[in-house]
Amino acid sequence: MTGIIGQGWKFPVRVNGRGGLSWSAGDDSLREAIWLILATPLRSRIMQPDFGCGVHDYLFAPNSANTRAQIEGEVKRALIRWEPRVDVLRVRAATASEDAGALLIEIETRVRTNNAALNLVYPFYLSEGIAR
């Protein structure tokens, strides 16, 4: 499975016990790639300004059904464009129960090579300074 899905540097990049770089493969590699796409704001990479996800444009947006629907669309578009190893089945943005300014973006995908389910929850904060 590593041959098709691939392997790469662990994200965030870290050094292993032998002084070399830590590697990531399989489902871990996919989860880290998805996280990297979602955590990268559009226009933040000079040589590739289209890479990333437009979810960061919703910082300070009201926590409304419309905002959550737009965020779901941004996440789905980014993953379809930048992660060809998975099929995006469902994206849902829900308010975190303990904090109205935090959204939990639930992502359901299917790995194309083996049809295995791969799920991830990405926290996104609509208000600055509330990350814990």
C-alpha atoms as a PDB file:
ATOM      1  CA  MET A   1       0.000   0.000   0.000  1.00  0.00           C
ATOM      2  CA  THR A   2       2.893   2.379   0.648  1.00  0.00           C
ATOM      3  CA  GLY A   3       3.927   2.140  -3.006  1.00  0.00           C
ATOM      4  CA  ILE A   4       0.655   3.581  -4.272  1.00  0.00           C
ATOM      5  CA  ILE A   5      -0.191   5.957  -1.423  1.00  0.00           C
ATOM      6  CA  GLY A   6       3.430   6.905  -0.964  1.00  0.00           C
ATOM      7  CA  GLN A   7       5.527   8.013   1.908  1.00  0.00           C
ATOM      8  CA  GLY A   8       7.113  11.296   2.834  1.00  0.00           C
ATOM      9  CA  TRP A   9       8.382  13.456   5.626  1.00  0.00           C
ATOM     10  CA  LYS A  10       6.291  13.388   8.766  1.00  0.00           C
ATOM     11  CA  PHE A  11       4.268  16.558   9.264  1.00  0.00           C
ATOM     12  CA  PRO A  12       5.244  18.556  11.115  1.00  0.00           C
ATOM     13  CA  VAL A  13       8.820  17.697  10.164  1.00  0.00           C
ATOM     14  CA  ARG A  14      10.673  16.073  13.047  1.00  0.00           C
ATOM     15  CA  VAL A  15      13.907  14.284  13.750  1.00  0.00           C
ATOM     16  CA  ASN A  16      13.831  10.627  14.819  1.00  0.00           C
ATOM     17  CA  GLY A  17      15.949   8.979  17.520  1.00  0.00           C
ATOM     18  CA  ARG A  18      18.771   8.218  15.081  1.00  0.00           C
ATOM     19  CA  GLY A  19      19.113  11.843  13.985  1.00  0.00           C
ATOM     20  CA  GLY A  20      17.345  11.358  10.644  1.00  0.00           C
ATOM     21  CA  LEU A  21      13.972  12.607   9.489  1.00  0.00           C
ATOM     22  CA  SER A  22      10.818  10.842  10.596  1.00  0.00           C
ATOM     23  CA  TRP A  23       8.736   9.393   7.764  1.00  0.00           C
ATOM     24  CA  SER A  24       5.039   8.924   7.347  1.00  0.00           C
ATOM     25  CA  ALA A  25       3.308   6.308   5.175  1.00  0.00           C
ATOM     26  CA  GLY A  26      -0.140   4.873   4.479  1.00  0.00           C
ATOM     27  CA  ASP A  27      -3.147   6.373   6.267  1.00  0.00           C
ATOM     28  CA  ASP A  28      -0.907   8.580   8.398  1.00  0.00           C
ATOM     29  CA  SER A  29       0.541  10.121   5.243  1.00  0.00           C
ATOM     30  CA  LEU A  30      -2.954  10.811   3.893  1.00  0.00           C
ATOM     31  CA  ARG A  31      -4.171  12.343   7.171  1.00  0.00           C
ATOM     32  CA  GLU A  32      -1.111  14.596   7.337  1.00  0.00           C
ATOM     33  CA  ALA A  33      -1.541  15.643   3.694  1.00  0.00           C
ATOM     34  CA  ILE A  34      -5.202  16.522   4.272  1.00  0.00           C
ATOM     35  CA  TRP A  35      -4.292  18.448   7.433  1.00  0.00           C
ATOM     36  CA  LEU A  36      -1.592  20.347   5.526  1.00  0.00           C
ATOM     37  CA  ILE A  37      -4.038  21.321   2.769  1.00  0.00           C
ATOM     38  CA  LEU A  38      -6.599  22.570   5.296  1.00  0.00           C
ATOM     39  CA  ALA A  39      -4.036  24.407   7.428  1.00  0.00           C
ATOM     40  CA  THR A  40      -2.538  26.299   4.468  1.00  0.00           C
ATOM     41  CA  PRO A  41      -4.363  29.544   3.647  1.00  0.00           C
ATOM     42  CA  LEU A  42      -4.829  30.372  -0.026  1.00  0.00           C
ATOM     43  CA  ARG A  43      -2.281  32.877  -1.368  1.00  0.00           C
ATOM     44  CA  SER A  44       0.211  32.044   1.403  1.00  0.00           C
ATOM     45  CA  ARG A  45       2.694  30.214  -0.858  1.00  0.00           C
ATOM     46  CA  ILE A  46       4.454  32.557  -3.243  1.00  0.00           C
ATOM     47  CA  MET A  47       5.274  29.950  -5.881  1.00  0.00           C
ATOM     48  CA  GLN A  48       1.888  28.200  -5.634  1.00  0.00           C
ATOM     49  CA  PRO A  49      -0.740  30.706  -4.442  1.00  0.00           C
ATOM     50  CA  ASP A  50      -3.666  28.408  -5.342  1.00  0.00           C
ATOM     51  CA  PHE A  51      -2.512  25.681  -2.920  1.00  0.00           C
ATOM     52  CA  GLY A  52      -4.420  25.337   0.309  1.00  0.00           C
ATOM     53  CA  CYS A  53      -7.939  25.940   1.479  1.00  0.00           C
ATOM     54  CA  GLY A  54     -10.096  29.075   1.472  1.00  0.00           C
ATOM     55  CA  VAL A  55     -11.497  28.297   4.922  1.00  0.00           C
ATOM     56  CA  HIS A  56      -9.170  30.893   6.460  1.00  0.00           C
ATOM     57  CA  ASP A  57     -11.065  33.665   4.671  1.00  0.00           C
ATOM     58  CA  TYR A  58     -13.902  33.004   7.143  1.00  0.00           C
ATOM     59  CA  LEU A  59     -12.021  34.121  10.222  1.00  0.00           C
ATOM     60  CA  PHE A  60     -14.336  36.509  12.112  1.00  0.00           C
ATOM     61  CA  ALA A  61     -17.357  35.398  10.052  1.00  0.00           C
ATOM     62  CA  PRO A  62     -20.578  34.834  12.003  1.00  0.00           C
ATOM     63  CA  ASN A  63     -21.249  31.279  13.109  1.00  0.00           C
ATOM     64  CA  SER A  64     -24.329  30.839  10.935  1.00  0.00           C
ATOM     65  CA  ALA A  65     -25.718  28.076   8.745  1.00  0.00           C
ATOM     66  CA  ASN A  66     -24.608  30.039   5.676  1.00  0.00           C
ATOM     67  CA  THR A  67     -21.016  30.372   6.923  1.00  0.00           C
ATOM     68  CA  ARG A  68     -20.849  26.684   7.812  1.00  0.00           C
ATOM     69  CA  ALA A  69     -22.165  25.723   4.342  1.00  0.00           C
ATOM     70  CA  GLN A  70     -19.579  27.954   2.648  1.00  0.00           C
ATOM     71  CA  ILE A  71     -16.789  26.456   4.786  1.00  0.00           C
ATOM     72  CA  GLU A  72     -17.953  22.946   3.869  1.00  0.00           C
ATOM     73  CA  GLY A  73     -17.752  23.903   0.184  1.00  0.00           C
ATOM     74  CA  GLU A  74     -14.262  25.385   0.567  1.00  0.00           C
ATOM     75  CA  VAL A  75     -12.967  22.254   2.291  1.00  0.00           C
ATOM     76  CA  LYS A  76     -14.515  19.931  -0.277  1.00  0.00           C
ATOM     77  CA  ARG A  77     -13.127  21.930  -3.234  1.00  0.00           C
ATOM     78  CA  ALA A  78      -9.636  22.041  -1.719  1.00  0.00           C
ATOM     79  CA  LEU A  79      -9.521  18.308  -1.030  1.00  0.00           C
ATOM     80  CA  ILE A  80     -10.878  17.373  -4.452  1.00  0.00           C
ATOM     81  CA  ARG A  81      -8.258  19.565  -6.102  1.00  0.00           C
ATOM     82  CA  TRP A  82      -5.189  18.807  -3.977  1.00  0.00           C
ATOM     83  CA  GLU A  83      -5.596  15.247  -2.671  1.00  0.00           C
ATOM     84  CA  PRO A  84      -6.160  12.861  -5.596  1.00  0.00           C
ATOM     85  CA  ARG A  85      -5.591   9.736  -3.473  1.00  0.00           C
ATOM     86  CA  VAL A  86      -9.002  10.033  -1.796  1.00  0.00           C
ATOM     87  CA  ASP A  87     -12.642  10.508  -2.784  1.00  0.00           C
ATOM     88  CA  VAL A  88     -14.386  13.094  -0.616  1.00  0.00           C
ATOM     89  CA  LEU A  89     -17.658  11.552   0.556  1.00  0.00           C
ATOM     90  CA  ARG A  90     -18.888  14.107   3.078  1.00  0.00           C
ATOM     91  CA  VAL A  91     -17.825  17.344   4.727  1.00  0.00           C
ATOM     92  CA  ARG A  92     -19.784  18.738   7.663  1.00  0.00           C
ATOM     93  CA  ALA A  93     -19.012  21.822   9.737  1.00  0.00           C
ATOM     94  CA  ALA A  94     -20.625  21.779  13.168  1.00  0.00           C
ATOM     95  CA  THR A  95     -20.353  24.115  16.123  1.00  0.00           C
ATOM     96  CA  ALA A  96     -18.256  22.690  18.927  1.00  0.00           C
ATOM     97  CA  SER A  97     -20.614  22.247  21.867  1.00  0.00           C
ATOM     98  CA  GLU A  98     -18.424  24.029  24.394  1.00  0.00           C
ATOM     99  CA  ASP A  99     -17.495  27.030  22.247  1.00  0.00           C
ATOM    100  CA  ALA A 100     -19.712  28.911  19.791  1.00  0.00           C
ATOM    101  CA  GLY A 101     -16.657  30.372  18.024  1.00  0.00           C
ATOM    102  CA  ALA A 102     -15.190  26.965  17.191  1.00  0.00           C
ATOM    103  CA  LEU A 103     -16.216  24.669  14.375  1.00  0.00           C
ATOM    104  CA  LEU A 104     -15.401  21.013  14.021  1.00  0.00           C
ATOM    105  CA  ILE A 105     -15.084  20.137  10.361  1.00  0.00           C
ATOM    106  CA  GLU A 106     -15.848  16.440   9.968  1.00  0.00           C
ATOM    107  CA  ILE A 107     -14.392  14.947   6.794  1.00  0.00           C
ATOM    108  CA  GLU A 108     -15.265  11.506   5.463  1.00  0.00           C
ATOM    109  CA  THR A 109     -13.148  10.174   2.607  1.00  0.00           C
ATOM    110  CA  ARG A 110     -12.496   6.893   0.856  1.00  0.00           C
ATOM    111  CA  VAL A 111      -8.979   5.870  -0.138  1.00  0.00           C
ATOM    112  CA  ARG A 112      -9.076   5.208  -3.878  1.00  0.00           C
ATOM    113  CA  THR A 113      -6.577   2.348  -3.883  1.00  0.00           C
ATOM    114  CA  ASN A 114      -8.410   0.088  -1.431  1.00  0.00           C
ATOM    115  CA  ASN A 115     -11.817   1.720  -0.703  1.00  0.00           C
ATOM    116  CA  ALA A 116     -10.920   2.053   2.984  1.00  0.00           C
ATOM    117  CA  ALA A 117     -12.687   4.759   4.964  1.00  0.00           C
ATOM    118  CA  LEU A 118     -10.501   7.607   6.201  1.00  0.00           C
ATOM    119  CA  ASN A 119     -12.092  10.127   8.570  1.00  0.00           C
ATOM    120  CA  LEU A 120     -10.677  13.294  10.070  1.00  0.00           C
ATOM    121  CA  VAL A 121     -11.980  16.105  12.275  1.00  0.00           C
ATOM    122  CA  TYR A 122     -10.325  19.470  11.689  1.00  0.00           C
ATOM    123  CA  PRO A 123     -10.939  22.225  14.277  1.00  0.00           C
ATOM    124  CA  PHE A 124     -11.431  25.726  12.888  1.00  0.00           C
ATOM    125  CA  TYR A 125     -11.807  28.831  15.020  1.00  0.00           C
ATOM    126  CA  LEU A 126     -13.981  31.662  13.728  1.00  0.00           C
ATOM    127  CA  SER A 127     -12.639  34.014  16.392  1.00  0.00           C
ATOM    128  CA  GLU A 128      -8.993  34.839  16.936  1.00  0.00           C
ATOM    129  CA  GLY A 129      -7.337  33.788  20.163  1.00  0.00           C
ATOM    130  CA  ILE A 130      -9.673  31.032  21.311  1.00  0.00           C
ATOM    131  CA  ALA A 131      -7.536  28.036  20.301  1.00  0.00           C
ATOM    132  CA  ARG A 132      -6.712  25.838  23.269  1.00  0.00           C
END
